[in-house]
Amino acid sequence: MTSELDWARVHKAFGDDPGVLPGGEVVGSVEHDWDVLFAMLHDSDWKVTPIDGHSPLPPDSHGLAEFEIVAVWPVDGVRVNFFPGPDGVYFDVDLRELVDQAAVDGLAHLMRKLGATIRRDVVLRDEGSRGTPVIRYATATDLFTIS
């Protein structure tokens, strides 16, 4: 697999003292995009569970308890938490788990698959920020950019 995001550039982009849980968003997504996301997750080879880490993923987001988080492991050691809700598709990832190029590649693969499936750009911002994305996957160009 060709690396699309360089681990060192990702580390540098989030700075020396980043919040550890940058927020991800599928830009412009809406509640019905969760059904598309669940279908993608069911078709993937990734480990996917509700946050308990053991239960199977229900067929759609309506099978989750209110405020239940969906955990996805695109590669061993990297967990991405999705937060189902009516306002769109949001997630976070723990920067401390992005320990090497393979971990960053797994995150990049998930972001690309997510963007291509929902047909919208996917961004990662500093923890708690609504400002300029640190990383963006653009569906129109099929490219990642780092701020």
N, C-alpha and C. Protein backbone atom coordinates (compact mmCIF):
# COMPACT_ATOMS: atom_id res chain seq x y z
N MET A 1 0.84 -1.17 0.00
CA MET A 1 0.00 0.00 0.00
C MET A 1 0.89 1.24 0.00
N THR A 2 0.56 2.21 -0.84
CA THR A 2 1.29 3.46 -0.89
C THR A 2 0.80 4.36 0.24
N SER A 3 1.72 4.96 0.97
CA SER A 3 1.36 5.86 2.05
C SER A 3 0.88 7.18 1.47
N GLU A 4 -0.27 7.62 1.94
CA GLU A 4 -0.82 8.87 1.43
C GLU A 4 -0.68 10.01 2.41
N LEU A 5 -0.49 9.67 3.64
CA LEU A 5 -0.23 10.65 4.69
C LEU A 5 1.05 10.22 5.38
N ASP A 6 2.03 11.08 5.38
CA ASP A 6 3.29 10.76 6.02
C ASP A 6 3.16 10.92 7.53
N TRP A 7 3.57 9.88 8.27
CA TRP A 7 3.43 9.90 9.73
C TRP A 7 4.10 11.14 10.34
N ALA A 8 5.29 11.47 9.90
CA ALA A 8 6.00 12.62 10.47
C ALA A 8 5.26 13.93 10.19
N ARG A 9 4.71 14.07 9.00
CA ARG A 9 3.95 15.29 8.66
C ARG A 9 2.67 15.37 9.47
N VAL A 10 2.01 14.24 9.68
CA VAL A 10 0.79 14.24 10.49
C VAL A 10 1.13 14.64 11.92
N HIS A 11 2.17 14.04 12.47
CA HIS A 11 2.60 14.37 13.84
C HIS A 11 2.93 15.86 13.96
N LYS A 12 3.68 16.39 13.01
CA LYS A 12 4.06 17.80 13.03
C LYS A 12 2.84 18.71 12.87
N ALA A 13 1.89 18.33 12.04
CA ALA A 13 0.71 19.16 11.78
C ALA A 13 -0.13 19.37 13.03
N PHE A 14 -0.18 18.36 13.90
CA PHE A 14 -0.97 18.51 15.12
C PHE A 14 -0.18 19.19 16.23
N GLY A 15 1.11 19.46 16.02
CA GLY A 15 1.90 20.24 16.96
C GLY A 15 2.47 19.44 18.10
N ASP A 16 3.27 20.15 18.90
CA ASP A 16 3.96 19.51 20.01
C ASP A 16 3.05 19.21 21.20
N ASP A 17 1.97 19.96 21.35
CA ASP A 17 1.08 19.77 22.49
C ASP A 17 -0.37 19.72 22.01
N PRO A 18 -0.69 18.73 21.18
CA PRO A 18 -2.05 18.68 20.63
C PRO A 18 -3.03 18.12 21.64
N GLY A 19 -4.30 18.44 21.44
CA GLY A 19 -5.31 17.67 22.14
C GLY A 19 -5.17 16.26 21.60
N VAL A 20 -5.41 15.27 22.41
CA VAL A 20 -5.13 13.91 21.96
C VAL A 20 -6.26 13.30 21.14
N LEU A 21 -7.41 13.93 21.12
CA LEU A 21 -8.55 13.37 20.40
C LEU A 21 -9.07 14.34 19.34
N PRO A 22 -8.36 14.47 18.22
CA PRO A 22 -8.86 15.38 17.19
C PRO A 22 -10.23 14.91 16.69
N GLY A 23 -11.05 15.89 16.39
CA GLY A 23 -12.40 15.60 15.93
C GLY A 23 -12.47 15.45 14.43
N GLY A 24 -13.16 14.41 13.99
CA GLY A 24 -13.37 14.17 12.57
C GLY A 24 -14.81 14.44 12.19
N GLU A 25 -15.00 14.79 10.93
CA GLU A 25 -16.34 15.10 10.44
C GLU A 25 -16.43 14.76 8.97
N VAL A 26 -17.56 14.20 8.57
CA VAL A 26 -17.88 14.09 7.16
C VAL A 26 -18.64 15.38 6.84
N VAL A 27 -17.99 16.29 6.12
CA VAL A 27 -18.49 17.63 5.91
C VAL A 27 -19.82 17.61 5.17
N GLY A 28 -20.82 18.24 5.76
CA GLY A 28 -22.13 18.33 5.14
C GLY A 28 -22.98 17.09 5.27
N SER A 29 -22.54 16.13 6.08
CA SER A 29 -23.32 14.89 6.24
C SER A 29 -24.58 15.18 7.07
N VAL A 30 -25.53 14.29 6.94
CA VAL A 30 -26.82 14.41 7.63
C VAL A 30 -27.18 13.07 8.26
N GLU A 31 -28.25 13.04 9.00
CA GLU A 31 -28.62 11.85 9.75
C GLU A 31 -28.75 10.61 8.87
N HIS A 32 -29.36 10.72 7.69
CA HIS A 32 -29.56 9.51 6.87
C HIS A 32 -28.24 8.93 6.34
N ASP A 33 -27.14 9.69 6.42
CA ASP A 33 -25.84 9.15 6.01
C ASP A 33 -25.37 8.04 6.94
N TRP A 34 -25.95 7.96 8.14
CA TRP A 34 -25.57 6.88 9.06
C TRP A 34 -25.93 5.51 8.49
N ASP A 35 -27.04 5.40 7.77
CA ASP A 35 -27.41 4.11 7.18
C ASP A 35 -26.36 3.68 6.15
N VAL A 36 -25.87 4.63 5.36
CA VAL A 36 -24.83 4.35 4.37
C VAL A 36 -23.54 3.94 5.10
N LEU A 37 -23.21 4.65 6.18
CA LEU A 37 -22.02 4.33 6.95
C LEU A 37 -22.11 2.93 7.56
N PHE A 38 -23.27 2.58 8.12
CA PHE A 38 -23.42 1.25 8.72
C PHE A 38 -23.27 0.16 7.65
N ALA A 39 -23.82 0.38 6.46
CA ALA A 39 -23.66 -0.60 5.38
C ALA A 39 -22.18 -0.75 5.03
N MET A 40 -21.45 0.37 4.97
CA MET A 40 -20.01 0.32 4.68
C MET A 40 -19.28 -0.46 5.76
N LEU A 41 -19.61 -0.20 7.01
CA LEU A 41 -18.93 -0.89 8.12
C LEU A 41 -19.21 -2.38 8.11
N HIS A 42 -20.46 -2.76 7.80
CA HIS A 42 -20.79 -4.18 7.74
C HIS A 42 -20.06 -4.88 6.60
N ASP A 43 -19.77 -4.16 5.52
CA ASP A 43 -19.08 -4.74 4.37
C ASP A 43 -17.56 -4.73 4.53
N SER A 44 -17.05 -4.05 5.54
CA SER A 44 -15.60 -3.91 5.71
C SER A 44 -15.01 -5.13 6.41
N ASP A 45 -13.70 -5.19 6.39
CA ASP A 45 -12.97 -6.23 7.12
C ASP A 45 -12.53 -5.75 8.50
N TRP A 46 -12.92 -4.55 8.87
CA TRP A 46 -12.49 -3.97 10.13
C TRP A 46 -13.26 -4.56 11.30
N LYS A 47 -12.64 -4.54 12.46
CA LYS A 47 -13.35 -4.86 13.69
C LYS A 47 -14.25 -3.66 14.00
N VAL A 48 -15.55 -3.92 14.17
CA VAL A 48 -16.52 -2.87 14.41
C VAL A 48 -17.48 -3.35 15.49
N THR A 49 -17.63 -2.57 16.55
CA THR A 49 -18.55 -2.92 17.63
C THR A 49 -19.11 -1.65 18.25
N PRO A 50 -20.22 -1.80 18.98
CA PRO A 50 -20.56 -0.69 19.88
C PRO A 50 -19.40 -0.52 20.85
N ILE A 51 -19.37 0.54 21.59
CA ILE A 51 -18.21 0.91 22.40
C ILE A 51 -17.81 -0.17 23.40
N ASP A 52 -18.71 -1.10 23.72
CA ASP A 52 -18.34 -2.14 24.69
C ASP A 52 -17.24 -3.07 24.16
N GLY A 53 -17.02 -3.04 22.85
CA GLY A 53 -15.93 -3.82 22.26
C GLY A 53 -16.26 -5.28 22.00
N HIS A 54 -17.46 -5.71 22.34
CA HIS A 54 -17.79 -7.13 22.21
C HIS A 54 -19.07 -7.40 21.42
N SER A 55 -20.07 -6.57 21.56
CA SER A 55 -21.36 -6.81 20.91
C SER A 55 -21.24 -6.62 19.41
N PRO A 56 -22.05 -7.33 18.65
CA PRO A 56 -22.04 -7.10 17.20
C PRO A 56 -22.69 -5.76 16.87
N LEU A 57 -22.28 -5.19 15.75
CA LEU A 57 -22.87 -3.94 15.28
C LEU A 57 -24.28 -4.23 14.80
N PRO A 58 -25.27 -3.45 15.27
CA PRO A 58 -26.63 -3.65 14.76
C PRO A 58 -26.70 -3.31 13.27
N PRO A 59 -27.78 -3.72 12.61
CA PRO A 59 -27.88 -3.49 11.16
C PRO A 59 -27.87 -2.01 10.76
N ASP A 60 -28.37 -1.14 11.63
CA ASP A 60 -28.37 0.29 11.33
C ASP A 60 -28.29 1.06 12.65
N SER A 61 -28.19 2.38 12.54
CA SER A 61 -27.98 3.20 13.73
C SER A 61 -29.18 3.19 14.66
N HIS A 62 -30.34 2.81 14.16
CA HIS A 62 -31.54 2.76 15.01
C HIS A 62 -31.45 1.62 16.03
N GLY A 63 -30.54 0.68 15.82
CA GLY A 63 -30.36 -0.43 16.75
C GLY A 63 -29.44 -0.10 17.92
N LEU A 64 -28.91 1.12 17.94
CA LEU A 64 -28.03 1.53 19.04
C LEU A 64 -28.84 2.21 20.14
N ALA A 65 -28.34 2.11 21.35
CA ALA A 65 -28.92 2.88 22.44
C ALA A 65 -28.59 4.35 22.22
N GLU A 66 -29.39 5.23 22.79
CA GLU A 66 -29.14 6.65 22.66
C GLU A 66 -27.74 6.98 23.18
N PHE A 67 -27.02 7.78 22.43
CA PHE A 67 -25.66 8.23 22.75
C PHE A 67 -24.63 7.10 22.73
N GLU A 68 -24.96 5.95 22.18
CA GLU A 68 -23.99 4.86 22.10
C GLU A 68 -22.96 5.16 21.00
N ILE A 69 -21.74 4.85 21.29
CA ILE A 69 -20.63 5.11 20.37
C ILE A 69 -20.31 3.83 19.61
N VAL A 70 -19.92 3.98 18.35
CA VAL A 70 -19.48 2.86 17.53
C VAL A 70 -17.97 2.93 17.40
N ALA A 71 -17.30 1.83 17.77
CA ALA A 71 -15.84 1.76 17.70
C ALA A 71 -15.42 0.96 16.47
N VAL A 72 -14.46 1.52 15.72
CA VAL A 72 -13.95 0.89 14.51
C VAL A 72 -12.43 0.84 14.62
N TRP A 73 -11.86 -0.33 14.34
CA TRP A 73 -10.41 -0.50 14.33
C TRP A 73 -9.98 -0.73 12.88
N PRO A 74 -9.55 0.34 12.16
CA PRO A 74 -9.12 0.14 10.77
C PRO A 74 -7.82 -0.67 10.67
N VAL A 75 -7.02 -0.64 11.73
CA VAL A 75 -5.82 -1.47 11.87
C VAL A 75 -5.67 -1.77 13.36
N ASP A 76 -4.94 -2.83 13.67
CA ASP A 76 -4.71 -3.16 15.07
C ASP A 76 -4.09 -1.97 15.80
N GLY A 77 -4.64 -1.65 16.96
CA GLY A 77 -4.08 -0.59 17.79
C GLY A 77 -4.61 0.79 17.54
N VAL A 78 -5.44 0.99 16.52
CA VAL A 78 -6.02 2.30 16.23
C VAL A 78 -7.54 2.17 16.25
N ARG A 79 -8.15 2.84 17.23
CA ARG A 79 -9.61 2.83 17.35
C ARG A 79 -10.15 4.20 16.97
N VAL A 80 -11.15 4.19 16.11
CA VAL A 80 -11.86 5.41 15.72
C VAL A 80 -13.26 5.30 16.29
N ASN A 81 -13.67 6.33 17.05
CA ASN A 81 -14.98 6.34 17.69
C ASN A 81 -15.94 7.20 16.89
N PHE A 82 -17.05 6.62 16.48
CA PHE A 82 -18.09 7.35 15.75
C PHE A 82 -19.23 7.66 16.71
N PHE A 83 -19.82 8.84 16.53
CA PHE A 83 -20.86 9.33 17.42
C PHE A 83 -22.16 9.53 16.64
N PRO A 84 -23.00 8.47 16.55
CA PRO A 84 -24.25 8.59 15.80
C PRO A 84 -25.14 9.70 16.35
N GLY A 85 -25.74 10.44 15.45
CA GLY A 85 -26.65 11.50 15.85
C GLY A 85 -27.27 12.17 14.65
N PRO A 86 -28.23 13.04 14.91
CA PRO A 86 -29.00 13.66 13.83
C PRO A 86 -28.26 14.77 13.09
N ASP A 87 -27.13 15.22 13.61
CA ASP A 87 -26.45 16.37 13.02
C ASP A 87 -25.39 16.01 11.99
N GLY A 88 -25.16 14.73 11.74
CA GLY A 88 -24.15 14.34 10.78
C GLY A 88 -23.24 13.26 11.32
N VAL A 89 -22.19 12.97 10.56
CA VAL A 89 -21.25 11.91 10.91
C VAL A 89 -20.01 12.54 11.53
N TYR A 90 -19.80 12.26 12.81
CA TYR A 90 -18.67 12.77 13.57
C TYR A 90 -17.91 11.61 14.20
N PHE A 91 -16.60 11.81 14.37
CA PHE A 91 -15.77 10.76 14.96
C PHE A 91 -14.55 11.40 15.60
N ASP A 92 -13.81 10.60 16.35
CA ASP A 92 -12.50 11.04 16.83
C ASP A 92 -11.53 9.87 16.79
N VAL A 93 -10.27 10.20 16.93
CA VAL A 93 -9.19 9.21 16.95
C VAL A 93 -8.18 9.69 17.98
N ASP A 94 -7.54 8.77 18.64
CA ASP A 94 -6.55 9.10 19.65
C ASP A 94 -5.18 9.22 18.99
N LEU A 95 -4.61 10.43 18.99
CA LEU A 95 -3.31 10.64 18.35
C LEU A 95 -2.22 9.76 18.93
N ARG A 96 -2.36 9.38 20.19
CA ARG A 96 -1.34 8.52 20.83
C ARG A 96 -1.30 7.14 20.20
N GLU A 97 -2.36 6.77 19.48
CA GLU A 97 -2.39 5.47 18.80
C GLU A 97 -1.75 5.52 17.41
N LEU A 98 -1.49 6.70 16.91
CA LEU A 98 -0.86 6.85 15.59
C LEU A 98 0.65 6.82 15.78
N VAL A 99 1.16 5.63 16.09
CA VAL A 99 2.55 5.46 16.52
C VAL A 99 3.52 5.22 15.37
N ASP A 100 3.00 4.89 14.20
CA ASP A 100 3.88 4.59 13.08
C ASP A 100 3.14 4.79 11.76
N GLN A 101 3.84 4.55 10.66
CA GLN A 101 3.24 4.77 9.35
C GLN A 101 2.05 3.84 9.10
N ALA A 102 2.12 2.61 9.57
CA ALA A 102 1.01 1.66 9.36
C ALA A 102 -0.27 2.17 10.04
N ALA A 103 -0.13 2.77 11.21
CA ALA A 103 -1.30 3.30 11.92
C ALA A 103 -1.91 4.47 11.14
N VAL A 104 -1.06 5.36 10.64
CA VAL A 104 -1.55 6.50 9.85
C VAL A 104 -2.18 6.01 8.54
N ASP A 105 -1.58 4.99 7.93
CA ASP A 105 -2.16 4.42 6.70
C ASP A 105 -3.55 3.85 6.96
N GLY A 106 -3.74 3.19 8.10
CA GLY A 106 -5.05 2.66 8.44
C GLY A 106 -6.08 3.76 8.59
N LEU A 107 -5.71 4.84 9.25
CA LEU A 107 -6.62 5.99 9.40
C LEU A 107 -6.93 6.60 8.03
N ALA A 108 -5.91 6.75 7.19
CA ALA A 108 -6.12 7.31 5.85
C ALA A 108 -7.08 6.44 5.03
N HIS A 109 -6.90 5.14 5.12
CA HIS A 109 -7.79 4.22 4.38
C HIS A 109 -9.24 4.38 4.85
N LEU A 110 -9.43 4.49 6.16
CA LEU A 110 -10.79 4.67 6.69
C LEU A 110 -11.37 6.00 6.22
N MET A 111 -10.59 7.08 6.28
CA MET A 111 -11.09 8.39 5.85
C MET A 111 -11.46 8.38 4.37
N ARG A 112 -10.62 7.76 3.54
CA ARG A 112 -10.92 7.69 2.10
C ARG A 112 -12.19 6.87 1.85
N LYS A 113 -12.31 5.72 2.49
CA LYS A 113 -13.49 4.87 2.31
C LYS A 113 -14.75 5.60 2.77
N LEU A 114 -14.65 6.29 3.89
CA LEU A 114 -15.77 7.06 4.41
C LEU A 114 -16.20 8.15 3.44
N GLY A 115 -15.23 8.92 2.94
CA GLY A 115 -15.54 9.99 2.00
C GLY A 115 -16.12 9.47 0.70
N ALA A 116 -15.53 8.41 0.16
CA ALA A 116 -16.02 7.85 -1.10
C ALA A 116 -17.41 7.26 -0.95
N THR A 117 -17.68 6.64 0.20
CA THR A 117 -18.98 6.00 0.42
C THR A 117 -20.09 7.04 0.59
N ILE A 118 -19.82 8.06 1.38
CA ILE A 118 -20.86 9.08 1.63
C ILE A 118 -20.80 10.19 0.58
N ARG A 119 -19.71 10.22 -0.19
CA ARG A 119 -19.52 11.18 -1.27
C ARG A 119 -19.40 12.61 -0.75
N ARG A 120 -18.63 12.73 0.33
CA ARG A 120 -18.37 14.04 0.92
C ARG A 120 -16.94 14.06 1.46
N ASP A 121 -16.40 15.27 1.59
CA ASP A 121 -15.06 15.41 2.15
C ASP A 121 -15.05 15.00 3.62
N VAL A 122 -13.89 14.55 4.07
CA VAL A 122 -13.71 14.13 5.46
C VAL A 122 -12.55 14.94 6.03
N VAL A 123 -12.76 15.51 7.22
CA VAL A 123 -11.72 16.35 7.83
C VAL A 123 -11.42 15.89 9.25
N LEU A 124 -10.20 16.21 9.69
CA LEU A 124 -9.78 16.07 11.08
C LEU A 124 -9.34 17.44 11.55
N ARG A 125 -9.87 17.88 12.69
CA ARG A 125 -9.50 19.17 13.28
C ARG A 125 -8.89 18.93 14.65
N ASP A 126 -8.14 19.94 15.12
CA ASP A 126 -7.64 19.88 16.49
C ASP A 126 -8.80 19.63 17.44
N GLU A 127 -8.52 18.93 18.53
CA GLU A 127 -9.55 18.60 19.52
C GLU A 127 -10.30 19.86 19.94
N GLY A 128 -11.64 19.80 19.82
CA GLY A 128 -12.50 20.89 20.25
C GLY A 128 -12.59 22.06 19.28
N SER A 129 -11.90 22.01 18.16
CA SER A 129 -11.87 23.12 17.21
C SER A 129 -12.94 22.96 16.14
N ARG A 130 -13.48 24.08 15.70
CA ARG A 130 -14.37 24.11 14.53
C ARG A 130 -13.69 24.89 13.41
N GLY A 131 -12.39 25.17 13.60
CA GLY A 131 -11.63 25.97 12.64
C GLY A 131 -11.11 25.16 11.47
N THR A 132 -10.04 25.64 10.91
CA THR A 132 -9.42 25.03 9.73
C THR A 132 -9.02 23.59 10.01
N PRO A 133 -9.38 22.68 9.13
CA PRO A 133 -8.97 21.28 9.32
C PRO A 133 -7.45 21.12 9.26
N VAL A 134 -6.95 20.20 10.04
CA VAL A 134 -5.53 19.85 10.00
C VAL A 134 -5.29 18.89 8.83
N ILE A 135 -6.21 17.96 8.65
CA ILE A 135 -6.14 16.99 7.55
C ILE A 135 -7.49 17.00 6.83
N ARG A 136 -7.45 16.97 5.52
CA ARG A 136 -8.68 16.90 4.71
C ARG A 136 -8.50 15.85 3.64
N TYR A 137 -9.51 15.01 3.51
CA TYR A 137 -9.59 14.12 2.36
C TYR A 137 -10.67 14.70 1.45
N ALA A 138 -10.30 15.07 0.23
CA ALA A 138 -11.23 15.66 -0.73
C ALA A 138 -11.68 14.60 -1.73
N THR A 139 -12.97 14.35 -1.77
CA THR A 139 -13.48 13.32 -2.68
C THR A 139 -13.32 13.72 -4.14
N ALA A 140 -13.41 15.01 -4.46
CA ALA A 140 -13.33 15.45 -5.85
C ALA A 140 -11.97 15.13 -6.47
N THR A 141 -10.92 15.22 -5.67
CA THR A 141 -9.57 14.99 -6.19
C THR A 141 -8.98 13.67 -5.73
N ASP A 142 -9.64 13.01 -4.76
CA ASP A 142 -9.15 11.77 -4.17
C ASP A 142 -7.76 11.98 -3.56
N LEU A 143 -7.59 13.15 -2.91
CA LEU A 143 -6.30 13.49 -2.32
C LEU A 143 -6.46 13.96 -0.88
N PHE A 144 -5.39 13.76 -0.10
CA PHE A 144 -5.30 14.28 1.25
C PHE A 144 -4.48 15.56 1.24
N THR A 145 -4.86 16.53 2.08
CA THR A 145 -4.03 17.69 2.30
C THR A 145 -3.84 17.85 3.81
N ILE A 146 -2.68 18.37 4.16
CA ILE A 146 -2.34 18.65 5.55
C ILE A 146 -2.07 20.14 5.67
N SER A 147 -2.72 20.78 6.64
CA SER A 147 -2.53 22.22 6.83
C SER A 147 -1.21 22.51 7.50
